[in-house]
Amino acid sequence: MAPRIRHRSMERPLTVEFGPSRSKRFGKAVALAQSGPGECTEIEPGRYRVTFLLTREAALYSALGRLLERVRHWRASEVYEGDEPVSTYHAKEMAWCASFQLSTFGECRERFQWGRPASLRALPAL
């Protein structure tokens, strides 16, 4: 069974770790991580951790989606919800969908479950 986002509080941390990478886009990914709303730290030379405290702000999900667009295909990229690893692909899909739902309706109308097909995906009800 796929892990499910747990609703512990209004703020839920989602962590993206990436790098090092030889990609020409690595510098842009680091700059995006450092300038965005997530808390970015270099955890070892060339490896970065960005923690997003997800709330009802569409901009947080947009920033997460933009970062994952850049780093999700790299072998050294990982995403965690708490201590649980989650699919970088599903995290990206959830981020873009939540951004749309929050900016359009002011809320996420459905739950998102990791591992569900895109046609059946739902969002975290915040």
Protein backbone atom coordinates (compact mmCIF):
# COMPACT_ATOMS: atom_id res chain seq x y z
CA MET A 1 0.00 0.00 0.00
CA ALA A 2 1.36 3.44 -0.90
CA PRO A 3 2.25 5.84 1.94
CA ARG A 4 -0.35 8.50 2.53
CA ILE A 5 0.20 12.10 3.59
CA ARG A 6 -0.68 12.32 7.24
CA HIS A 7 -2.44 15.41 8.54
CA ARG A 8 -0.56 16.27 11.74
CA SER A 9 -1.08 20.03 11.68
CA MET A 10 -1.78 22.89 9.34
CA GLU A 11 1.91 22.96 8.38
CA ARG A 12 3.34 19.76 6.95
CA PRO A 13 7.02 19.47 6.08
CA LEU A 14 7.99 18.05 2.71
CA THR A 15 11.73 17.74 2.13
CA VAL A 16 13.57 17.60 -1.17
CA GLU A 17 17.22 16.48 -1.23
CA PHE A 18 19.25 16.74 -4.40
CA GLY A 19 22.79 16.76 -5.73
CA PRO A 20 25.49 16.53 -6.48
CA SER A 21 24.90 16.50 -10.20
CA ARG A 22 26.95 17.14 -13.31
CA SER A 23 23.89 18.56 -15.04
CA LYS A 24 24.23 21.97 -16.64
CA ARG A 25 21.03 22.84 -14.78
CA PHE A 26 22.43 22.10 -11.32
CA GLY A 27 23.43 25.74 -10.62
CA LYS A 28 19.96 26.94 -11.59
CA ALA A 29 18.36 24.34 -9.33
CA VAL A 30 20.52 25.47 -6.40
CA ALA A 31 19.70 29.13 -7.08
CA LEU A 32 15.99 28.30 -7.26
CA ALA A 33 16.17 26.34 -4.00
CA GLN A 34 18.04 29.12 -2.21
CA SER A 35 15.75 31.92 -3.40
CA GLY A 36 12.44 30.14 -2.85
CA PRO A 37 10.15 29.92 0.17
CA GLY A 38 11.64 26.60 1.34
CA GLU A 39 14.46 26.43 3.88
CA CYS A 40 17.57 25.44 1.90
CA THR A 41 20.74 24.09 3.49
CA GLU A 42 23.84 22.50 2.02
CA ILE A 43 24.08 19.25 3.97
CA GLU A 44 27.40 18.22 2.43
CA PRO A 45 29.44 19.63 -0.43
CA GLY A 46 27.16 19.77 -3.47
CA ARG A 47 24.15 18.17 -1.72
CA TYR A 48 21.18 20.32 -0.74
CA ARG A 49 18.12 19.85 1.45
CA VAL A 50 15.07 22.07 0.96
CA THR A 51 12.23 21.84 3.46
CA PHE A 52 8.85 23.23 2.53
CA LEU A 53 6.32 23.78 5.31
CA LEU A 54 3.19 23.23 3.27
CA THR A 55 0.20 25.30 4.27
CA ARG A 56 -2.72 26.75 2.30
CA GLU A 57 -0.44 29.01 0.23
CA ALA A 58 -0.47 28.18 -3.47
CA ALA A 59 2.96 29.82 -3.88
CA LEU A 60 4.58 27.15 -1.68
CA TYR A 61 3.27 24.38 -3.91
CA SER A 62 4.30 26.28 -7.05
CA ALA A 63 7.85 26.66 -5.71
CA LEU A 64 7.96 22.96 -4.83
CA GLY A 65 6.70 22.06 -8.30
CA ARG A 66 9.31 24.28 -10.01
CA LEU A 67 12.14 22.75 -7.98
CA LEU A 68 10.98 19.20 -8.62
CA GLU A 69 10.67 19.94 -12.35
CA ARG A 70 14.42 20.60 -12.32
CA VAL A 71 15.70 17.84 -10.04
CA ARG A 72 13.28 14.92 -10.16
CA HIS A 73 15.12 12.98 -12.89
CA TRP A 74 18.48 13.04 -11.11
CA ARG A 75 19.45 9.80 -9.37
CA ALA A 76 20.55 11.75 -6.29
CA SER A 77 17.13 13.39 -5.80
CA GLU A 78 14.89 12.25 -2.97
CA VAL A 79 11.63 13.52 -1.47
CA TYR A 80 10.40 12.84 2.06
CA GLU A 81 7.19 13.51 3.91
CA GLY A 82 8.46 13.36 7.47
CA ASP A 83 10.73 10.30 7.52
CA GLU A 84 8.86 8.51 4.74
CA PRO A 85 10.31 8.57 1.21
CA VAL A 86 7.83 9.47 -1.49
CA SER A 87 7.99 9.40 -5.27
CA THR A 88 9.52 12.54 -6.77
CA TYR A 89 7.10 12.19 -9.67
CA HIS A 90 4.03 12.03 -7.42
CA ALA A 91 5.31 14.89 -5.25
CA LYS A 92 5.67 17.03 -8.39
CA GLU A 93 2.17 16.10 -9.59
CA MET A 94 0.71 16.84 -6.15
CA ALA A 95 2.52 20.20 -5.99
CA TRP A 96 1.21 21.44 -9.35
CA CYS A 97 -2.30 20.18 -8.69
CA ALA A 98 -2.41 21.70 -5.19
CA SER A 99 -1.08 24.99 -6.54
CA PHE A 100 -3.90 25.08 -9.10
CA GLN A 101 -6.60 24.07 -6.62
CA LEU A 102 -5.48 26.57 -3.98
CA SER A 103 -5.09 29.48 -6.39
CA THR A 104 -8.39 28.72 -8.15
CA PHE A 105 -10.67 27.59 -5.32
CA GLY A 106 -8.78 28.63 -2.15
CA GLU A 107 -8.70 25.03 -0.97
CA CYS A 108 -7.76 21.52 -2.03
CA ARG A 109 -11.01 19.72 -2.66
CA GLU A 110 -9.71 16.15 -2.59
CA ARG A 111 -7.01 14.05 -0.94
CA PHE A 112 -3.78 13.06 -2.65
CA GLN A 113 -2.54 9.51 -2.14
CA TRP A 114 1.00 8.64 -3.18
CA GLY A 115 1.15 6.02 -5.88
CA ARG A 116 -2.29 6.56 -7.35
CA PRO A 117 -2.50 7.00 -11.11
CA ALA A 118 -2.63 10.61 -12.29
CA SER A 119 -6.21 10.17 -13.50
CA LEU A 120 -7.26 9.19 -9.96
CA ARG A 121 -5.01 11.53 -8.00
CA ALA A 122 -6.43 13.69 -5.30
CA LEU A 123 -5.01 16.41 -3.11
CA PRO A 124 -4.29 16.87 0.55
CA ALA A 125 -7.32 18.41 2.16
CA LEU A 126 -5.75 21.20 4.15
